Amino acid sequence: MSRRLVAFNLLVVVLSVVIDQAIKALVVATMGLGDAIEILPFLALFHARNTGIAFSMFAGLGDVGLSLLALAVLAVVLVLWWKTPAGRRLTHFGLAIIVGGAIGNLIDRIRLGYVVDYVYFHTPVWAFAIFNFADALITIGAVLILIDEFILAPRAKASPH
């Protein structure tokens, strides 16, 4: 990996963590736990605590178990990232925002014992899990990697240079 690519990836990770932590700090400072602010008929800010991981899974593992699980997943992602060819820029960006999101949630888990969540999609008859910016980064990063792996890379391989 070139220094420029490494620097860009590190910048993306740092910005992801800073934005995530700033939004969470703002939510905690301005909203009581369980408070909701309706933004649209299907979208609200809703201050919640997630003691598990995505969609509150594995909440029974406790802080230490979840932190160790997050660190193990982060280590695997970092190895994959390091092994990704430099030309796969979309994958690099996807991995950078995944790492930034994972670090943002890990900071909460270690510092608070839970993750601050606040984005709530809902209708009168349906509700989606409450999540945060870090969760969105992780999801978007995974989608970008899939697009690169299964759509862009095969096209690049098939097209004449």
C-alpha atoms as a PDB file:
ATOM      1  CA  MET A   1       0.000   0.000   0.000  1.00  0.00           C
ATOM      2  CA  SER A   2       1.264   3.464  -0.848  1.00  0.00           C
ATOM      3  CA  ARG A   3       1.780   6.062   1.855  1.00  0.00           C
ATOM      4  CA  ARG A   4      -0.887   8.210   0.247  1.00  0.00           C
ATOM      5  CA  LEU A   5      -3.466   5.412   0.402  1.00  0.00           C
ATOM      6  CA  VAL A   6      -2.543   4.615   4.012  1.00  0.00           C
ATOM      7  CA  ALA A   7      -2.800   8.308   4.952  1.00  0.00           C
ATOM      8  CA  PHE A   8      -6.181   8.643   3.240  1.00  0.00           C
ATOM      9  CA  ASN A   9      -7.495   5.496   4.951  1.00  0.00           C
ATOM     10  CA  LEU A  10      -6.282   6.704   8.354  1.00  0.00           C
ATOM     11  CA  LEU A  11      -7.926  10.083   7.765  1.00  0.00           C
ATOM     12  CA  VAL A  12     -11.219   8.352   6.928  1.00  0.00           C
ATOM     13  CA  VAL A  13     -10.974   6.227  10.098  1.00  0.00           C
ATOM     14  CA  VAL A  14     -10.190   9.236  12.315  1.00  0.00           C
ATOM     15  CA  LEU A  15     -12.962  11.369  10.795  1.00  0.00           C
ATOM     16  CA  SER A  16     -15.438   8.501  11.174  1.00  0.00           C
ATOM     17  CA  VAL A  17     -14.594   8.098  14.861  1.00  0.00           C
ATOM     18  CA  VAL A  18     -14.631  11.844  15.569  1.00  0.00           C
ATOM     19  CA  ILE A  19     -18.004  12.375  13.860  1.00  0.00           C
ATOM     20  CA  ASP A  20     -19.491   9.319  15.570  1.00  0.00           C
ATOM     21  CA  GLN A  21     -18.318  10.362  19.026  1.00  0.00           C
ATOM     22  CA  ALA A  22     -19.395  13.995  18.504  1.00  0.00           C
ATOM     23  CA  ILE A  23     -22.927  12.982  17.507  1.00  0.00           C
ATOM     24  CA  LYS A  24     -23.202  10.589  20.453  1.00  0.00           C
ATOM     25  CA  ALA A  25     -21.945  13.277  22.855  1.00  0.00           C
ATOM     26  CA  LEU A  26     -24.530  15.699  21.475  1.00  0.00           C
ATOM     27  CA  VAL A  27     -27.329  13.147  21.895  1.00  0.00           C
ATOM     28  CA  VAL A  28     -26.299  12.364  25.483  1.00  0.00           C
ATOM     29  CA  ALA A  29     -25.902  16.057  26.360  1.00  0.00           C
ATOM     30  CA  THR A  30     -29.213  17.208  24.894  1.00  0.00           C
ATOM     31  CA  MET A  31     -31.605  14.258  25.214  1.00  0.00           C
ATOM     32  CA  GLY A  32     -32.661  12.215  28.185  1.00  0.00           C
ATOM     33  CA  LEU A  33     -32.515   8.450  27.906  1.00  0.00           C
ATOM     34  CA  GLY A  34     -35.694   7.341  26.107  1.00  0.00           C
ATOM     35  CA  ASP A  35     -36.453  10.816  24.761  1.00  0.00           C
ATOM     36  CA  ALA A  36     -37.549  11.022  21.138  1.00  0.00           C
ATOM     37  CA  ILE A  37     -37.549  13.855  18.618  1.00  0.00           C
ATOM     38  CA  GLU A  38     -39.678  13.171  15.546  1.00  0.00           C
ATOM     39  CA  ILE A  39     -37.936  14.425  12.414  1.00  0.00           C
ATOM     40  CA  LEU A  40     -40.178  12.854   9.776  1.00  0.00           C
ATOM     41  CA  PRO A  41     -43.251  10.624  10.131  1.00  0.00           C
ATOM     42  CA  PHE A  42     -40.937   7.601   9.791  1.00  0.00           C
ATOM     43  CA  LEU A  43     -37.705   8.916  11.353  1.00  0.00           C
ATOM     44  CA  ALA A  44     -36.889  10.030  14.863  1.00  0.00           C
ATOM     45  CA  LEU A  45     -33.936  10.671  17.085  1.00  0.00           C
ATOM     46  CA  PHE A  46     -34.411   8.352  20.040  1.00  0.00           C
ATOM     47  CA  HIS A  47     -31.794   8.204  22.800  1.00  0.00           C
ATOM     48  CA  ALA A  48     -31.182   4.548  23.644  1.00  0.00           C
ATOM     49  CA  ARG A  49     -28.495   2.327  25.110  1.00  0.00           C
ATOM     50  CA  ASN A  50     -27.458  -0.869  23.356  1.00  0.00           C
ATOM     51  CA  THR A  51     -25.867  -3.401  25.678  1.00  0.00           C
ATOM     52  CA  GLY A  52     -25.397  -5.901  22.832  1.00  0.00           C
ATOM     53  CA  ILE A  53     -23.993  -5.574  19.355  1.00  0.00           C
ATOM     54  CA  ALA A  54     -25.990  -4.988  16.160  1.00  0.00           C
ATOM     55  CA  PHE A  55     -29.714  -5.201  16.912  1.00  0.00           C
ATOM     56  CA  SER A  56     -28.837  -5.918  20.592  1.00  0.00           C
ATOM     57  CA  MET A  57     -27.513  -9.416  19.789  1.00  0.00           C
ATOM     58  CA  PHE A  58     -25.207 -11.038  22.349  1.00  0.00           C
ATOM     59  CA  ALA A  59     -26.197  -8.600  25.097  1.00  0.00           C
ATOM     60  CA  GLY A  60     -25.640 -11.437  27.588  1.00  0.00           C
ATOM     61  CA  LEU A  61     -21.892 -11.593  26.891  1.00  0.00           C
ATOM     62  CA  GLY A  62     -21.239  -8.559  29.081  1.00  0.00           C
ATOM     63  CA  ASP A  63     -18.900  -5.638  28.494  1.00  0.00           C
ATOM     64  CA  VAL A  64     -15.643  -7.572  28.538  1.00  0.00           C
ATOM     65  CA  GLY A  65     -16.921 -10.354  26.274  1.00  0.00           C
ATOM     66  CA  LEU A  66     -18.401  -7.915  23.770  1.00  0.00           C
ATOM     67  CA  SER A  67     -15.244  -5.774  23.813  1.00  0.00           C
ATOM     68  CA  LEU A  68     -13.089  -8.849  23.154  1.00  0.00           C
ATOM     69  CA  LEU A  69     -15.422  -9.961  20.367  1.00  0.00           C
ATOM     70  CA  ALA A  70     -15.263  -6.473  18.814  1.00  0.00           C
ATOM     71  CA  LEU A  71     -11.462  -6.450  19.055  1.00  0.00           C
ATOM     72  CA  ALA A  72     -11.253  -9.874  17.387  1.00  0.00           C
ATOM     73  CA  VAL A  73     -13.519  -8.761  14.530  1.00  0.00           C
ATOM     74  CA  LEU A  74     -11.514  -5.544  14.203  1.00  0.00           C
ATOM     75  CA  ALA A  75      -8.279  -7.553  13.986  1.00  0.00           C
ATOM     76  CA  VAL A  76      -9.718  -9.737  11.193  1.00  0.00           C
ATOM     77  CA  VAL A  77     -10.896  -6.639   9.285  1.00  0.00           C
ATOM     78  CA  LEU A  78      -7.447  -5.044   9.637  1.00  0.00           C
ATOM     79  CA  VAL A  79      -5.764  -8.174   8.226  1.00  0.00           C
ATOM     80  CA  LEU A  80      -8.200  -8.226   5.289  1.00  0.00           C
ATOM     81  CA  TRP A  81      -7.587  -4.531   4.764  1.00  0.00           C
ATOM     82  CA  TRP A  82      -3.816  -4.970   4.702  1.00  0.00           C
ATOM     83  CA  LYS A  83      -4.108  -7.814   2.161  1.00  0.00           C
ATOM     84  CA  THR A  84      -6.444  -5.869  -0.147  1.00  0.00           C
ATOM     85  CA  PRO A  85      -4.677  -4.719  -3.337  1.00  0.00           C
ATOM     86  CA  ALA A  86      -4.141  -0.942  -3.527  1.00  0.00           C
ATOM     87  CA  GLY A  87      -6.164  -0.726  -6.744  1.00  0.00           C
ATOM     88  CA  ARG A  88      -9.332  -1.792  -4.933  1.00  0.00           C
ATOM     89  CA  ARG A  89     -10.016   1.733  -3.693  1.00  0.00           C
ATOM     90  CA  LEU A  90     -13.727   1.220  -3.014  1.00  0.00           C
ATOM     91  CA  THR A  91     -12.916  -1.789  -0.835  1.00  0.00           C
ATOM     92  CA  HIS A  92     -10.268   0.246   0.988  1.00  0.00           C
ATOM     93  CA  PHE A  93     -12.777   3.013   1.640  1.00  0.00           C
ATOM     94  CA  GLY A  94     -15.388   0.476   2.771  1.00  0.00           C
ATOM     95  CA  LEU A  95     -12.923  -1.133   5.163  1.00  0.00           C
ATOM     96  CA  ALA A  96     -11.854   2.293   6.479  1.00  0.00           C
ATOM     97  CA  ILE A  97     -15.413   3.270   7.396  1.00  0.00           C
ATOM     98  CA  ILE A  98     -16.023  -0.176   8.893  1.00  0.00           C
ATOM     99  CA  VAL A  99     -12.946   0.238  11.095  1.00  0.00           C
ATOM    100  CA  GLY A 100     -13.995   3.793  12.031  1.00  0.00           C
ATOM    101  CA  GLY A 101     -17.482   2.624  12.971  1.00  0.00           C
ATOM    102  CA  ALA A 102     -16.162  -0.350  14.928  1.00  0.00           C
ATOM    103  CA  ILE A 103     -13.746   1.857  16.866  1.00  0.00           C
ATOM    104  CA  GLY A 104     -16.510   4.382  17.584  1.00  0.00           C
ATOM    105  CA  ASN A 105     -18.752   1.702  19.073  1.00  0.00           C
ATOM    106  CA  LEU A 106     -15.826   0.069  20.895  1.00  0.00           C
ATOM    107  CA  ILE A 107     -15.013   3.397  22.563  1.00  0.00           C
ATOM    108  CA  ASP A 108     -18.583   3.537  23.885  1.00  0.00           C
ATOM    109  CA  ARG A 109     -18.502  -0.079  25.021  1.00  0.00           C
ATOM    110  CA  ILE A 110     -15.231   0.348  26.937  1.00  0.00           C
ATOM    111  CA  ARG A 111     -15.976   3.814  28.308  1.00  0.00           C
ATOM    112  CA  LEU A 112     -19.683   3.453  29.090  1.00  0.00           C
ATOM    113  CA  GLY A 113     -20.456  -0.269  29.129  1.00  0.00           C
ATOM    114  CA  TYR A 114     -23.016   0.203  26.331  1.00  0.00           C
ATOM    115  CA  VAL A 115     -23.296   1.863  22.931  1.00  0.00           C
ATOM    116  CA  VAL A 116     -25.293   5.063  22.473  1.00  0.00           C
ATOM    117  CA  ASP A 117     -27.919   4.622  19.738  1.00  0.00           C
ATOM    118  CA  TYR A 118     -30.248   7.291  18.390  1.00  0.00           C
ATOM    119  CA  VAL A 119     -31.520   6.735  14.817  1.00  0.00           C
ATOM    120  CA  TYR A 120     -35.001   5.224  14.790  1.00  0.00           C
ATOM    121  CA  PHE A 121     -36.884   4.321  11.591  1.00  0.00           C
ATOM    122  CA  HIS A 122     -40.535   3.469  12.209  1.00  0.00           C
ATOM    123  CA  THR A 123     -44.119   3.596  11.008  1.00  0.00           C
ATOM    124  CA  PRO A 124     -47.284   3.216  13.065  1.00  0.00           C
ATOM    125  CA  VAL A 125     -47.206  -0.564  12.485  1.00  0.00           C
ATOM    126  CA  TRP A 126     -43.481  -1.286  12.004  1.00  0.00           C
ATOM    127  CA  ALA A 127     -40.266  -0.320  13.731  1.00  0.00           C
ATOM    128  CA  PHE A 128     -36.633  -0.916  12.802  1.00  0.00           C
ATOM    129  CA  ALA A 129     -33.862  -1.341  15.349  1.00  0.00           C
ATOM    130  CA  ILE A 130     -32.396   1.823  16.810  1.00  0.00           C
ATOM    131  CA  PHE A 131     -28.860   2.400  15.569  1.00  0.00           C
ATOM    132  CA  ASN A 132     -26.153   5.068  15.302  1.00  0.00           C
ATOM    133  CA  PHE A 133     -23.719   6.645  12.833  1.00  0.00           C
ATOM    134  CA  ALA A 134     -21.070   3.981  13.533  1.00  0.00           C
ATOM    135  CA  ASP A 135     -23.557   1.209  12.742  1.00  0.00           C
ATOM    136  CA  ALA A 136     -24.471   2.993   9.501  1.00  0.00           C
ATOM    137  CA  LEU A 137     -20.783   3.244   8.577  1.00  0.00           C
ATOM    138  CA  ILE A 138     -20.285  -0.478   9.184  1.00  0.00           C
ATOM    139  CA  THR A 139     -23.320  -1.361   7.055  1.00  0.00           C
ATOM    140  CA  ILE A 140     -22.442   1.036   4.229  1.00  0.00           C
ATOM    141  CA  GLY A 141     -18.838  -0.176   4.277  1.00  0.00           C
ATOM    142  CA  ALA A 142     -19.978  -3.788   3.907  1.00  0.00           C
ATOM    143  CA  VAL A 143     -22.257  -2.846   0.997  1.00  0.00           C
ATOM    144  CA  LEU A 144     -19.428  -0.968  -0.736  1.00  0.00           C
ATOM    145  CA  ILE A 145     -17.139  -3.981  -0.401  1.00  0.00           C
ATOM    146  CA  LEU A 146     -19.810  -6.263  -1.866  1.00  0.00           C
ATOM    147  CA  ILE A 147     -20.359  -3.878  -4.784  1.00  0.00           C
ATOM    148  CA  ASP A 148     -16.624  -3.737  -5.431  1.00  0.00           C
ATOM    149  CA  GLU A 149     -16.153  -7.491  -5.096  1.00  0.00           C
ATOM    150  CA  PHE A 150     -19.140  -8.724  -7.077  1.00  0.00           C
ATOM    151  CA  ILE A 151     -19.850  -5.928  -9.582  1.00  0.00           C
ATOM    152  CA  LEU A 152     -16.873  -3.624 -10.153  1.00  0.00           C
ATOM    153  CA  ALA A 153     -13.964  -6.084  -9.906  1.00  0.00           C
ATOM    154  CA  PRO A 154     -15.488  -8.622 -12.334  1.00  0.00           C
ATOM    155  CA  ARG A 155     -16.263  -5.809 -14.798  1.00  0.00           C
ATOM    156  CA  ALA A 156     -12.698  -4.493 -14.564  1.00  0.00           C
ATOM    157  CA  LYS A 157     -11.337  -7.965 -15.120  1.00  0.00           C
ATOM    158  CA  ALA A 158     -13.566  -8.533 -18.154  1.00  0.00           C
ATOM    159  CA  SER A 159     -12.956  -5.162 -19.835  1.00  0.00           C
ATOM    160  CA  PRO A 160      -9.991  -4.773 -22.177  1.00  0.00           C
ATOM    161  CA  HIS A 161      -7.302  -2.429 -20.855  1.00  0.00           C
END
